[in-house]
Amino acid sequence: MSLAKIIDEALHLKPQDRYLIIENLVKSLNEPNGEIDQIWIEESQKRLKAYEDGKVRTFTYNQVFN
């Protein structure tokens, strides 16, 4: 079945059924990705170590927002 046919058929569904399709499609886009999670874990650990070692310059809230 072509994408155009799927969309056409979906548009003829009741609103609550279309909502369920949309909800499930959005959920599928937000599924956890272990590889990306691991990359961010490593990056956050690297940033924390740099902070703890005094290798990064920090700013107070007032320095940033005033």
C-alpha atoms as a PDB file:
ATOM      1  CA  MET A   1       0.000   0.000   0.000  1.00  0.00           C
ATOM      2  CA  SER A   2       1.404   3.413  -0.934  1.00  0.00           C
ATOM      3  CA  LEU A   3       1.935   6.201   1.542  1.00  0.00           C
ATOM      4  CA  ALA A   4      -0.669   8.325  -0.252  1.00  0.00           C
ATOM      5  CA  LYS A   5      -3.242   5.512   0.106  1.00  0.00           C
ATOM      6  CA  ILE A   6      -2.460   5.098   3.821  1.00  0.00           C
ATOM      7  CA  ILE A   7      -2.901   8.817   4.404  1.00  0.00           C
ATOM      8  CA  ASP A   8      -6.111   8.901   2.383  1.00  0.00           C
ATOM      9  CA  GLU A   9      -7.570   6.023   4.364  1.00  0.00           C
ATOM     10  CA  ALA A  10      -6.453   7.514   7.679  1.00  0.00           C
ATOM     11  CA  LEU A  11      -8.202  10.781   6.844  1.00  0.00           C
ATOM     12  CA  HIS A  12     -11.485   8.893   6.531  1.00  0.00           C
ATOM     13  CA  LEU A  13     -11.265   7.430  10.036  1.00  0.00           C
ATOM     14  CA  LYS A  14     -13.175   8.763  13.034  1.00  0.00           C
ATOM     15  CA  PRO A  15     -11.292  11.534  14.878  1.00  0.00           C
ATOM     16  CA  GLN A  16     -10.589   9.324  17.905  1.00  0.00           C
ATOM     17  CA  ASP A  17      -9.055   6.646  15.660  1.00  0.00           C
ATOM     18  CA  ARG A  18      -6.899   9.237  13.888  1.00  0.00           C
ATOM     19  CA  TYR A  19      -5.771  10.486  17.276  1.00  0.00           C
ATOM     20  CA  LEU A  20      -4.690   6.971  18.283  1.00  0.00           C
ATOM     21  CA  ILE A  21      -2.662   6.645  15.095  1.00  0.00           C
ATOM     22  CA  ILE A  22      -1.000  10.010  15.698  1.00  0.00           C
ATOM     23  CA  GLU A  23      -0.279   9.174  19.318  1.00  0.00           C
ATOM     24  CA  ASN A  24       1.382   5.892  18.397  1.00  0.00           C
ATOM     25  CA  LEU A  25       3.423   7.448  15.608  1.00  0.00           C
ATOM     26  CA  VAL A  26       4.720  10.178  17.930  1.00  0.00           C
ATOM     27  CA  LYS A  27       5.581   7.592  20.595  1.00  0.00           C
ATOM     28  CA  SER A  28       7.556   5.631  18.022  1.00  0.00           C
ATOM     29  CA  LEU A  29       9.673   8.713  17.312  1.00  0.00           C
ATOM     30  CA  ASN A  30      10.503   9.136  20.994  1.00  0.00           C
ATOM     31  CA  GLU A  31      11.661   5.595  21.708  1.00  0.00           C
ATOM     32  CA  PRO A  32      14.877   5.410  23.728  1.00  0.00           C
ATOM     33  CA  ASN A  33      18.045   4.927  21.731  1.00  0.00           C
ATOM     34  CA  GLY A  34      20.742   3.213  23.788  1.00  0.00           C
ATOM     35  CA  GLU A  35      23.538   4.385  21.514  1.00  0.00           C
ATOM     36  CA  ILE A  36      22.559   8.038  21.817  1.00  0.00           C
ATOM     37  CA  ASP A  37      21.994   7.655  25.557  1.00  0.00           C
ATOM     38  CA  GLN A  38      25.525   6.235  25.930  1.00  0.00           C
ATOM     39  CA  ILE A  39      27.019   9.129  23.964  1.00  0.00           C
ATOM     40  CA  TRP A  40      25.287  11.628  26.263  1.00  0.00           C
ATOM     41  CA  ILE A  41      26.379   9.734  29.392  1.00  0.00           C
ATOM     42  CA  GLU A  42      29.995   9.882  28.243  1.00  0.00           C
ATOM     43  CA  GLU A  43      29.694  13.573  27.334  1.00  0.00           C
ATOM     44  CA  SER A  44      28.133  14.495  30.678  1.00  0.00           C
ATOM     45  CA  GLN A  45      30.833  12.571  32.564  1.00  0.00           C
ATOM     46  CA  LYS A  46      33.513  14.375  30.542  1.00  0.00           C
ATOM     47  CA  ARG A  47      31.938  17.755  31.310  1.00  0.00           C
ATOM     48  CA  LEU A  48      31.602  16.967  35.021  1.00  0.00           C
ATOM     49  CA  LYS A  49      35.260  15.905  35.209  1.00  0.00           C
ATOM     50  CA  ALA A  50      36.362  19.103  33.450  1.00  0.00           C
ATOM     51  CA  TYR A  51      34.306  21.117  35.957  1.00  0.00           C
ATOM     52  CA  GLU A  52      35.701  19.207  38.952  1.00  0.00           C
ATOM     53  CA  ASP A  53      39.265  19.605  37.639  1.00  0.00           C
ATOM     54  CA  GLY A  54      38.760  23.363  37.278  1.00  0.00           C
ATOM     55  CA  LYS A  55      39.231  23.264  33.516  1.00  0.00           C
ATOM     56  CA  VAL A  56      36.079  25.187  32.664  1.00  0.00           C
ATOM     57  CA  ARG A  57      35.094  28.719  33.497  1.00  0.00           C
ATOM     58  CA  THR A  58      31.812  28.998  35.351  1.00  0.00           C
ATOM     59  CA  PHE A  59      29.376  31.880  35.642  1.00  0.00           C
ATOM     60  CA  THR A  60      26.834  32.804  38.282  1.00  0.00           C
ATOM     61  CA  TYR A  61      23.177  33.259  37.467  1.00  0.00           C
ATOM     62  CA  ASN A  62      23.547  37.026  37.735  1.00  0.00           C
ATOM     63  CA  GLN A  63      26.536  37.071  35.396  1.00  0.00           C
ATOM     64  CA  VAL A  64      24.517  35.279  32.764  1.00  0.00           C
ATOM     65  CA  PHE A  65      21.174  37.028  33.108  1.00  0.00           C
ATOM     66  CA  ASN A  66      22.113  40.593  34.029  1.00  0.00           C
END
